[in-house]
C-alpha atoms as a PDB file:
ATOM      1  CA  UNK A   1     101.397  87.342  92.363  1.00  0.00           C
ATOM      2  CA  UNK A   2     104.263  85.058  93.284  1.00  0.00           C
ATOM      3  CA  UNK A   3     106.974  84.342  90.751  1.00  0.00           C
ATOM      4  CA  UNK A   4     108.150  80.796  90.109  1.00  0.00           C
ATOM      5  CA  UNK A   5     111.791  79.939  90.690  1.00  0.00           C
ATOM      6  CA  UNK A   6     113.649  77.460  88.455  1.00  0.00           C
ATOM      7  CA  UNK A   7     117.001  75.914  89.263  1.00  0.00           C
ATOM      8  CA  UNK A   8     119.004  75.848  86.017  1.00  0.00           C
ATOM      9  CA  UNK A   9     122.468  74.292  86.506  1.00  0.00           C
ATOM     10  CA  UNK A  10     122.707  75.718  90.033  1.00  0.00           C
ATOM     11  CA  UNK A  11     121.675  79.179  88.849  1.00  0.00           C
ATOM     12  CA  UNK A  12     118.465  80.595  90.291  1.00  0.00           C
ATOM     13  CA  UNK A  13     116.279  82.158  87.587  1.00  0.00           C
ATOM     14  CA  UNK A  14     113.123  83.955  88.643  1.00  0.00           C
ATOM     15  CA  UNK A  15     110.372  84.417  86.068  1.00  0.00           C
ATOM     16  CA  UNK A  16     106.786  85.543  86.077  1.00  0.00           C
ATOM     17  CA  UNK A  17     104.063  82.903  85.818  1.00  0.00           C
ATOM     18  CA  UNK A  18     103.416  81.793  82.252  1.00  0.00           C
ATOM     19  CA  UNK A  19     106.910  82.639  81.012  1.00  0.00           C
ATOM     20  CA  UNK A  20     109.739  80.221  80.222  1.00  0.00           C
ATOM     21  CA  UNK A  21     113.174  80.730  81.751  1.00  0.00           C
ATOM     22  CA  UNK A  22     115.922  81.370  79.255  1.00  0.00           C
ATOM     23  CA  UNK A  23     118.211  78.396  78.829  1.00  0.00           C
ATOM     24  CA  UNK A  24     115.894  75.843  80.461  1.00  0.00           C
ATOM     25  CA  UNK A  25     117.041  72.376  79.439  1.00  0.00           C
ATOM     26  CA  UNK A  26     115.741  69.946  82.053  1.00  0.00           C
ATOM     27  CA  UNK A  27     112.597  68.061  81.091  1.00  0.00           C
ATOM     28  CA  UNK A  28     112.738  69.133  77.428  1.00  0.00           C
ATOM     29  CA  UNK A  29     112.549  66.625  74.593  1.00  0.00           C
ATOM     30  CA  UNK A  30     115.106  66.937  71.848  1.00  0.00           C
ATOM     31  CA  UNK A  31     113.549  66.509  68.402  1.00  0.00           C
ATOM     32  CA  UNK A  32     114.670  67.241  64.892  1.00  0.00           C
ATOM     33  CA  UNK A  33     112.431  69.647  63.003  1.00  0.00           C
ATOM     34  CA  UNK A  34     111.097  66.754  60.902  1.00  0.00           C
ATOM     35  CA  UNK A  35     110.230  64.744  64.025  1.00  0.00           C
ATOM     36  CA  UNK A  36     108.665  67.809  65.643  1.00  0.00           C
ATOM     37  CA  UNK A  37     106.471  68.420  62.599  1.00  0.00           C
ATOM     38  CA  UNK A  38     105.332  64.794  62.562  1.00  0.00           C
ATOM     39  CA  UNK A  39     104.509  65.066  66.252  1.00  0.00           C
ATOM     40  CA  UNK A  40     102.575  68.328  65.828  1.00  0.00           C
ATOM     41  CA  UNK A  41     100.566  67.308  62.768  1.00  0.00           C
ATOM     42  CA  UNK A  42     100.365  63.571  63.418  1.00  0.00           C
ATOM     43  CA  UNK A  43     100.241  62.914  67.153  1.00  0.00           C
ATOM     44  CA  UNK A  44      98.742  66.250  68.200  1.00  0.00           C
ATOM     45  CA  UNK A  45      96.464  66.486  65.129  1.00  0.00           C
ATOM     46  CA  UNK A  46      97.188  70.191  64.750  1.00  0.00           C
ATOM     47  CA  UNK A  47      95.778  71.847  61.653  1.00  0.00           C
ATOM     48  CA  UNK A  48      96.678  74.879  59.571  1.00  0.00           C
ATOM     49  CA  UNK A  49      93.968  77.524  59.309  1.00  0.00           C
ATOM     50  CA  UNK A  50      94.630  80.483  57.042  1.00  0.00           C
ATOM     51  CA  UNK A  51      92.130  82.834  58.664  1.00  0.00           C
ATOM     52  CA  UNK A  52      94.148  86.028  58.897  1.00  0.00           C
ATOM     53  CA  UNK A  53      92.748  87.417  55.637  1.00  0.00           C
ATOM     54  CA  UNK A  54      89.093  86.809  56.444  1.00  0.00           C
ATOM     55  CA  UNK A  55      89.473  87.583  60.179  1.00  0.00           C
ATOM     56  CA  UNK A  56      91.337  90.870  60.633  1.00  0.00           C
ATOM     57  CA  UNK A  57      91.298  90.537  64.439  1.00  0.00           C
ATOM     58  CA  UNK A  58      93.228  87.260  64.350  1.00  0.00           C
ATOM     59  CA  UNK A  59      96.514  86.925  66.172  1.00  0.00           C
ATOM     60  CA  UNK A  60      99.030  88.959  64.194  1.00  0.00           C
ATOM     61  CA  UNK A  61     102.268  87.222  63.356  1.00  0.00           C
ATOM     62  CA  UNK A  62     101.150  83.695  64.104  1.00  0.00           C
ATOM     63  CA  UNK A  63     100.327  82.847  60.520  1.00  0.00           C
ATOM     64  CA  UNK A  64      97.163  81.030  61.607  1.00  0.00           C
ATOM     65  CA  UNK A  65      94.299  81.579  63.992  1.00  0.00           C
ATOM     66  CA  UNK A  66      94.823  80.316  67.515  1.00  0.00           C
ATOM     67  CA  UNK A  67      92.239  78.005  69.113  1.00  0.00           C
ATOM     68  CA  UNK A  68      91.921  80.348  72.099  1.00  0.00           C
ATOM     69  CA  UNK A  69      91.226  83.246  69.745  1.00  0.00           C
ATOM     70  CA  UNK A  70      88.504  81.189  68.021  1.00  0.00           C
ATOM     71  CA  UNK A  71      86.811  80.493  71.366  1.00  0.00           C
ATOM     72  CA  UNK A  72      86.901  84.223  72.168  1.00  0.00           C
ATOM     73  CA  UNK A  73      85.274  85.042  68.834  1.00  0.00           C
ATOM     74  CA  UNK A  74      82.543  82.474  69.421  1.00  0.00           C
ATOM     75  CA  UNK A  75      81.956  83.970  72.855  1.00  0.00           C
ATOM     76  CA  UNK A  76      81.476  87.428  71.322  1.00  0.00           C
ATOM     77  CA  UNK A  77      78.451  86.286  69.346  1.00  0.00           C
ATOM     78  CA  UNK A  78      77.152  84.077  72.143  1.00  0.00           C
ATOM     79  CA  UNK A  79      77.569  80.724  70.448  1.00  0.00           C
ATOM     80  CA  UNK A  80      78.912  77.574  72.035  1.00  0.00           C
ATOM     81  CA  UNK A  81      80.349  74.401  70.550  1.00  0.00           C
ATOM     82  CA  UNK A  82      78.195  71.391  71.422  1.00  0.00           C
ATOM     83  CA  UNK A  83      79.612  67.970  72.153  1.00  0.00           C
ATOM     84  CA  UNK A  84      83.022  67.092  73.503  1.00  0.00           C
ATOM     85  CA  UNK A  85      85.760  64.520  73.467  1.00  0.00           C
ATOM     86  CA  UNK A  86      88.233  66.655  71.539  1.00  0.00           C
ATOM     87  CA  UNK A  87      91.488  67.746  73.100  1.00  0.00           C
ATOM     88  CA  UNK A  88      93.123  70.783  71.480  1.00  0.00           C
ATOM     89  CA  UNK A  89      96.762  70.506  70.382  1.00  0.00           C
ATOM     90  CA  UNK A  90      99.431  71.449  72.900  1.00  0.00           C
ATOM     91  CA  UNK A  91     100.860  74.961  72.943  1.00  0.00           C
ATOM     92  CA  UNK A  92     104.123  73.759  71.406  1.00  0.00           C
ATOM     93  CA  UNK A  93     102.274  72.020  68.577  1.00  0.00           C
ATOM     94  CA  UNK A  94     100.267  75.167  67.839  1.00  0.00           C
ATOM     95  CA  UNK A  95     103.433  77.250  67.844  1.00  0.00           C
ATOM     96  CA  UNK A  96     105.122  74.868  65.385  1.00  0.00           C
ATOM     97  CA  UNK A  97     102.086  74.879  63.109  1.00  0.00           C
ATOM     98  CA  UNK A  98     101.810  78.665  63.211  1.00  0.00           C
ATOM     99  CA  UNK A  99     105.391  78.995  61.980  1.00  0.00           C
ATOM    100  CA  UNK A 100     104.688  76.586  59.144  1.00  0.00           C
ATOM    101  CA  UNK A 101     101.631  78.627  58.192  1.00  0.00           C
ATOM    102  CA  UNK A 102     103.749  81.799  58.228  1.00  0.00           C
ATOM    103  CA  UNK A 103     106.195  80.564  55.563  1.00  0.00           C
ATOM    104  CA  UNK A 104     106.955  83.329  53.089  1.00  0.00           C
ATOM    105  CA  UNK A 105     106.727  83.032  49.316  1.00  0.00           C
ATOM    106  CA  UNK A 106     110.454  82.407  49.027  1.00  0.00           C
ATOM    107  CA  UNK A 107     110.013  79.177  50.988  1.00  0.00           C
ATOM    108  CA  UNK A 108     106.934  78.101  49.064  1.00  0.00           C
ATOM    109  CA  UNK A 109     104.259  80.028  50.939  1.00  0.00           C
ATOM    110  CA  UNK A 110     100.887  78.460  51.651  1.00  0.00           C
ATOM    111  CA  UNK A 111     101.302  75.751  49.046  1.00  0.00           C
ATOM    112  CA  UNK A 112     104.447  74.481  50.784  1.00  0.00           C
ATOM    113  CA  UNK A 113     102.825  74.843  54.220  1.00  0.00           C
ATOM    114  CA  UNK A 114      99.977  72.573  53.133  1.00  0.00           C
ATOM    115  CA  UNK A 115     102.416  70.085  51.631  1.00  0.00           C
ATOM    116  CA  UNK A 116     104.444  69.997  54.866  1.00  0.00           C
ATOM    117  CA  UNK A 117     101.263  69.411  56.872  1.00  0.00           C
ATOM    118  CA  UNK A 118     100.087  66.576  54.630  1.00  0.00           C
ATOM    119  CA  UNK A 119     103.460  64.833  54.549  1.00  0.00           C
ATOM    120  CA  UNK A 120     104.102  65.248  58.274  1.00  0.00           C
ATOM    121  CA  UNK A 121     100.686  63.847  59.139  1.00  0.00           C
ATOM    122  CA  UNK A 122     101.500  60.560  57.384  1.00  0.00           C
ATOM    123  CA  UNK A 123     105.222  60.549  58.240  1.00  0.00           C
ATOM    124  CA  UNK A 124     106.517  60.889  54.695  1.00  0.00           C
ATOM    125  CA  UNK A 125     108.889  63.035  52.645  1.00  0.00           C
ATOM    126  CA  UNK A 126     108.322  64.484  49.165  1.00  0.00           C
ATOM    127  CA  UNK A 127     108.711  61.999  46.337  1.00  0.00           C
ATOM    128  CA  UNK A 128     112.014  62.872  44.679  1.00  0.00           C
ATOM    129  CA  UNK A 129     111.568  59.962  42.258  1.00  0.00           C
ATOM    130  CA  UNK A 130     114.364  57.676  43.488  1.00  0.00           C
ATOM    131  CA  UNK A 131     115.845  55.505  40.777  1.00  0.00           C
ATOM    132  CA  UNK A 132     113.985  57.381  38.040  1.00  0.00           C
ATOM    133  CA  UNK A 133     115.677  57.433  34.630  1.00  0.00           C
ATOM    134  CA  UNK A 134     114.207  58.556  31.294  1.00  0.00           C
ATOM    135  CA  UNK A 135     113.262  55.421  29.364  1.00  0.00           C
ATOM    136  CA  UNK A 136     112.308  55.042  25.720  1.00  0.00           C
ATOM    137  CA  UNK A 137     108.965  53.209  25.487  1.00  0.00           C
ATOM    138  CA  UNK A 138     106.244  52.791  22.878  1.00  0.00           C
ATOM    139  CA  UNK A 139     103.783  55.663  22.787  1.00  0.00           C
ATOM    140  CA  UNK A 140     100.810  53.295  22.657  1.00  0.00           C
ATOM    141  CA  UNK A 141     100.063  49.601  22.946  1.00  0.00           C
ATOM    142  CA  UNK A 142      97.556  47.479  21.074  1.00  0.00           C
ATOM    143  CA  UNK A 143      96.190  44.059  21.830  1.00  0.00           C
ATOM    144  CA  UNK A 144      94.199  41.389  20.027  1.00  0.00           C
ATOM    145  CA  UNK A 145      93.335  37.737  20.446  1.00  0.00           C
ATOM    146  CA  UNK A 146      96.886  36.752  19.516  1.00  0.00           C
ATOM    147  CA  UNK A 147      98.501  38.963  22.131  1.00  0.00           C
ATOM    148  CA  UNK A 148      99.682  42.552  22.401  1.00  0.00           C
ATOM    149  CA  UNK A 149     102.476  44.767  21.245  1.00  0.00           C
ATOM    150  CA  UNK A 150     103.563  48.282  20.444  1.00  0.00           C
ATOM    151  CA  UNK A 151     101.192  50.271  18.260  1.00  0.00           C
ATOM    152  CA  UNK A 152     102.481  51.048  14.752  1.00  0.00           C
ATOM    153  CA  UNK A 153     101.833  54.099  12.579  1.00  0.00           C
ATOM    154  CA  UNK A 154     102.261  55.128   8.936  1.00  0.00           C
ATOM    155  CA  UNK A 155     105.535  56.956   8.308  1.00  0.00           C
ATOM    156  CA  UNK A 156     103.979  59.198   5.668  1.00  0.00           C
ATOM    157  CA  UNK A 157     102.046  60.968   8.451  1.00  0.00           C
ATOM    158  CA  UNK A 158     105.375  62.457   9.572  1.00  0.00           C
ATOM    159  CA  UNK A 159     105.444  64.645   6.465  1.00  0.00           C
ATOM    160  CA  UNK A 160     108.835  65.637   5.147  1.00  0.00           C
ATOM    161  CA  UNK A 161     110.563  63.659   7.892  1.00  0.00           C
ATOM    162  CA  UNK A 162     108.714  60.452   7.086  1.00  0.00           C
ATOM    163  CA  UNK A 163     108.749  57.865   4.313  1.00  0.00           C
ATOM    164  CA  UNK A 164     106.238  57.682   1.449  1.00  0.00           C
ATOM    165  CA  UNK A 165     104.423  54.474   0.721  1.00  0.00           C
ATOM    166  CA  UNK A 166     106.448  51.921  -1.202  1.00  0.00           C
ATOM    167  CA  UNK A 167     105.221  50.608  -4.569  1.00  0.00           C
ATOM    168  CA  UNK A 168     105.288  46.918  -5.462  1.00  0.00           C
ATOM    169  CA  UNK A 169     103.497  44.482  -7.733  1.00  0.00           C
ATOM    170  CA  UNK A 170     101.409  41.802  -6.183  1.00  0.00           C
ATOM    171  CA  UNK A 171     100.970  38.278  -7.497  1.00  0.00           C
ATOM    172  CA  UNK A 172      98.412  39.453 -10.004  1.00  0.00           C
ATOM    173  CA  UNK A 173     100.772  42.080 -11.380  1.00  0.00           C
ATOM    174  CA  UNK A 174      98.834  44.956  -9.921  1.00  0.00           C
ATOM    175  CA  UNK A 175     100.852  47.868  -8.518  1.00  0.00           C
ATOM    176  CA  UNK A 176     100.012  48.453  -4.860  1.00  0.00           C
ATOM    177  CA  UNK A 177     101.379  50.886  -2.307  1.00  0.00           C
ATOM    178  CA  UNK A 178     102.449  49.536   1.070  1.00  0.00           C
ATOM    179  CA  UNK A 179     102.772  51.951   3.976  1.00  0.00           C
ATOM    180  CA  UNK A 180     106.104  52.126   5.776  1.00  0.00           C
ATOM    181  CA  UNK A 181     105.297  51.278   9.367  1.00  0.00           C
ATOM    182  CA  UNK A 182     107.126  52.657  12.382  1.00  0.00           C
ATOM    183  CA  UNK A 183     106.700  52.636  16.149  1.00  0.00           C
ATOM    184  CA  UNK A 184     106.154  56.054  17.808  1.00  0.00           C
ATOM    185  CA  UNK A 185     108.071  56.285  21.091  1.00  0.00           C
ATOM    186  CA  UNK A 186     108.194  58.607  24.066  1.00  0.00           C
ATOM    187  CA  UNK A 187     110.642  59.137  26.913  1.00  0.00           C
ATOM    188  CA  UNK A 188     109.156  58.676  30.369  1.00  0.00           C
ATOM    189  CA  UNK A 189     109.620  60.001  32.934  1.00  0.00           C
ATOM    190  CA  UNK A 190     111.079  63.033  31.257  1.00  0.00           C
ATOM    191  CA  UNK A 191     114.157  64.777  32.612  1.00  0.00           C
ATOM    192  CA  UNK A 192     111.931  67.799  33.251  1.00  0.00           C
ATOM    193  CA  UNK A 193     109.585  65.739  35.451  1.00  0.00           C
ATOM    194  CA  UNK A 194     112.476  64.341  37.492  1.00  0.00           C
ATOM    195  CA  UNK A 195     114.042  67.803  37.874  1.00  0.00           C
ATOM    196  CA  UNK A 196     110.705  69.291  39.030  1.00  0.00           C
ATOM    197  CA  UNK A 197     110.295  66.589  41.696  1.00  0.00           C
ATOM    198  CA  UNK A 198     113.782  67.232  43.033  1.00  0.00           C
ATOM    199  CA  UNK A 199     113.342  71.001  43.023  1.00  0.00           C
ATOM    200  CA  UNK A 200     110.211  70.490  45.105  1.00  0.00           C
ATOM    201  CA  UNK A 201     112.167  68.292  47.532  1.00  0.00           C
ATOM    202  CA  UNK A 202     114.845  70.986  47.874  1.00  0.00           C
ATOM    203  CA  UNK A 203     112.214  73.645  48.540  1.00  0.00           C
ATOM    204  CA  UNK A 204     110.628  71.385  51.178  1.00  0.00           C
ATOM    205  CA  UNK A 205     114.075  70.918  52.748  1.00  0.00           C
ATOM    206  CA  UNK A 206     114.646  74.680  52.770  1.00  0.00           C
ATOM    207  CA  UNK A 207     111.248  75.289  54.378  1.00  0.00           C
ATOM    208  CA  UNK A 208     112.076  72.822  57.172  1.00  0.00           C
ATOM    209  CA  UNK A 209     115.408  74.579  57.681  1.00  0.00           C
ATOM    210  CA  UNK A 210     113.630  77.932  57.932  1.00  0.00           C
ATOM    211  CA  UNK A 211     111.048  76.742  60.459  1.00  0.00           C
ATOM    212  CA  UNK A 212     113.559  74.738  62.482  1.00  0.00           C
ATOM    213  CA  UNK A 213     116.055  77.603  62.667  1.00  0.00           C
ATOM    214  CA  UNK A 214     113.405  80.013  63.916  1.00  0.00           C
ATOM    215  CA  UNK A 215     112.115  77.650  66.591  1.00  0.00           C
ATOM    216  CA  UNK A 216     115.628  76.721  67.714  1.00  0.00           C
ATOM    217  CA  UNK A 217     117.069  80.254  67.850  1.00  0.00           C
ATOM    218  CA  UNK A 218     114.068  81.986  69.425  1.00  0.00           C
ATOM    219  CA  UNK A 219     113.398  79.301  72.037  1.00  0.00           C
ATOM    220  CA  UNK A 220     109.643  79.837  71.844  1.00  0.00           C
ATOM    221  CA  UNK A 221     108.843  76.195  72.609  1.00  0.00           C
ATOM    222  CA  UNK A 222     108.350  75.221  76.222  1.00  0.00           C
ATOM    223  CA  UNK A 223     108.807  71.451  76.200  1.00  0.00           C
ATOM    224  CA  UNK A 224     110.710  70.727  72.993  1.00  0.00           C
ATOM    225  CA  UNK A 225     114.238  71.564  71.972  1.00  0.00           C
ATOM    226  CA  UNK A 226     114.719  71.594  68.196  1.00  0.00           C
ATOM    227  CA  UNK A 227     118.049  70.085  67.187  1.00  0.00           C
ATOM    228  CA  UNK A 228     120.045  70.929  64.069  1.00  0.00           C
ATOM    229  CA  UNK A 229     119.437  67.469  62.548  1.00  0.00           C
ATOM    230  CA  UNK A 230     117.940  67.625  59.059  1.00  0.00           C
ATOM    231  CA  UNK A 231     116.844  65.132  56.402  1.00  0.00           C
ATOM    232  CA  UNK A 232     119.411  64.514  53.631  1.00  0.00           C
ATOM    233  CA  UNK A 233     119.588  67.514  51.336  1.00  0.00           C
ATOM    234  CA  UNK A 234     120.408  65.617  48.115  1.00  0.00           C
ATOM    235  CA  UNK A 235     119.363  61.977  48.584  1.00  0.00           C
ATOM    236  CA  UNK A 236     119.720  61.327  44.841  1.00  0.00           C
ATOM    237  CA  UNK A 237     123.442  62.058  45.086  1.00  0.00           C
ATOM    238  CA  UNK A 238     123.792  59.384  47.754  1.00  0.00           C
ATOM    239  CA  UNK A 239     121.843  57.038  45.506  1.00  0.00           C
ATOM    240  CA  UNK A 240     124.240  57.541  42.588  1.00  0.00           C
ATOM    241  CA  UNK A 241     127.415  57.252  44.707  1.00  0.00           C
END
């Protein structure tokens, strides 16, 4: 078996077939981790399959079952996939997806992996609720033929914190009790809702950092070089500045 020889900056590096030379830079695309994820899930249509629990013979350490492994398993039982026209994702795309699937619980685990896949497929980032501020609005709205407005309620229903009905005499001299009306209000979105959205964005950012760092430092990709570029970590701070 003949080994291939690569010329890397005037240095001859000999490697066995199927292996990548360390430090290879020529012909490699430079992509940020966000761009690489969008390429893998969007352009290459790679998918996450969590099969390692149900298939104990799956590729250990990949975090998802490899397409080649699936074909081998189908061959064991003598079945064949009918039809055609489908091109499997590239090796680099499958490697990127496998690292997303292997996210640990500290980075969000499977739930975050699925979120990354869904967002990358459509080229979006998590909604961190830009411009959101808690606003005081009426709890309910009512409408009639004359128009609409905020729904009112009887203050006596508030108990000790409310107001009892007020007595008065009508034109006939009869004592009647008029309810004290008030407008129930709510604050929306709540500060808790905004904080939860931004915590999710930060966890998504941390997961991208984890995946990108691994792919960049290990050099497991053959045609893509992951750069250190990252999405903004706190976009709401830039919004308020």
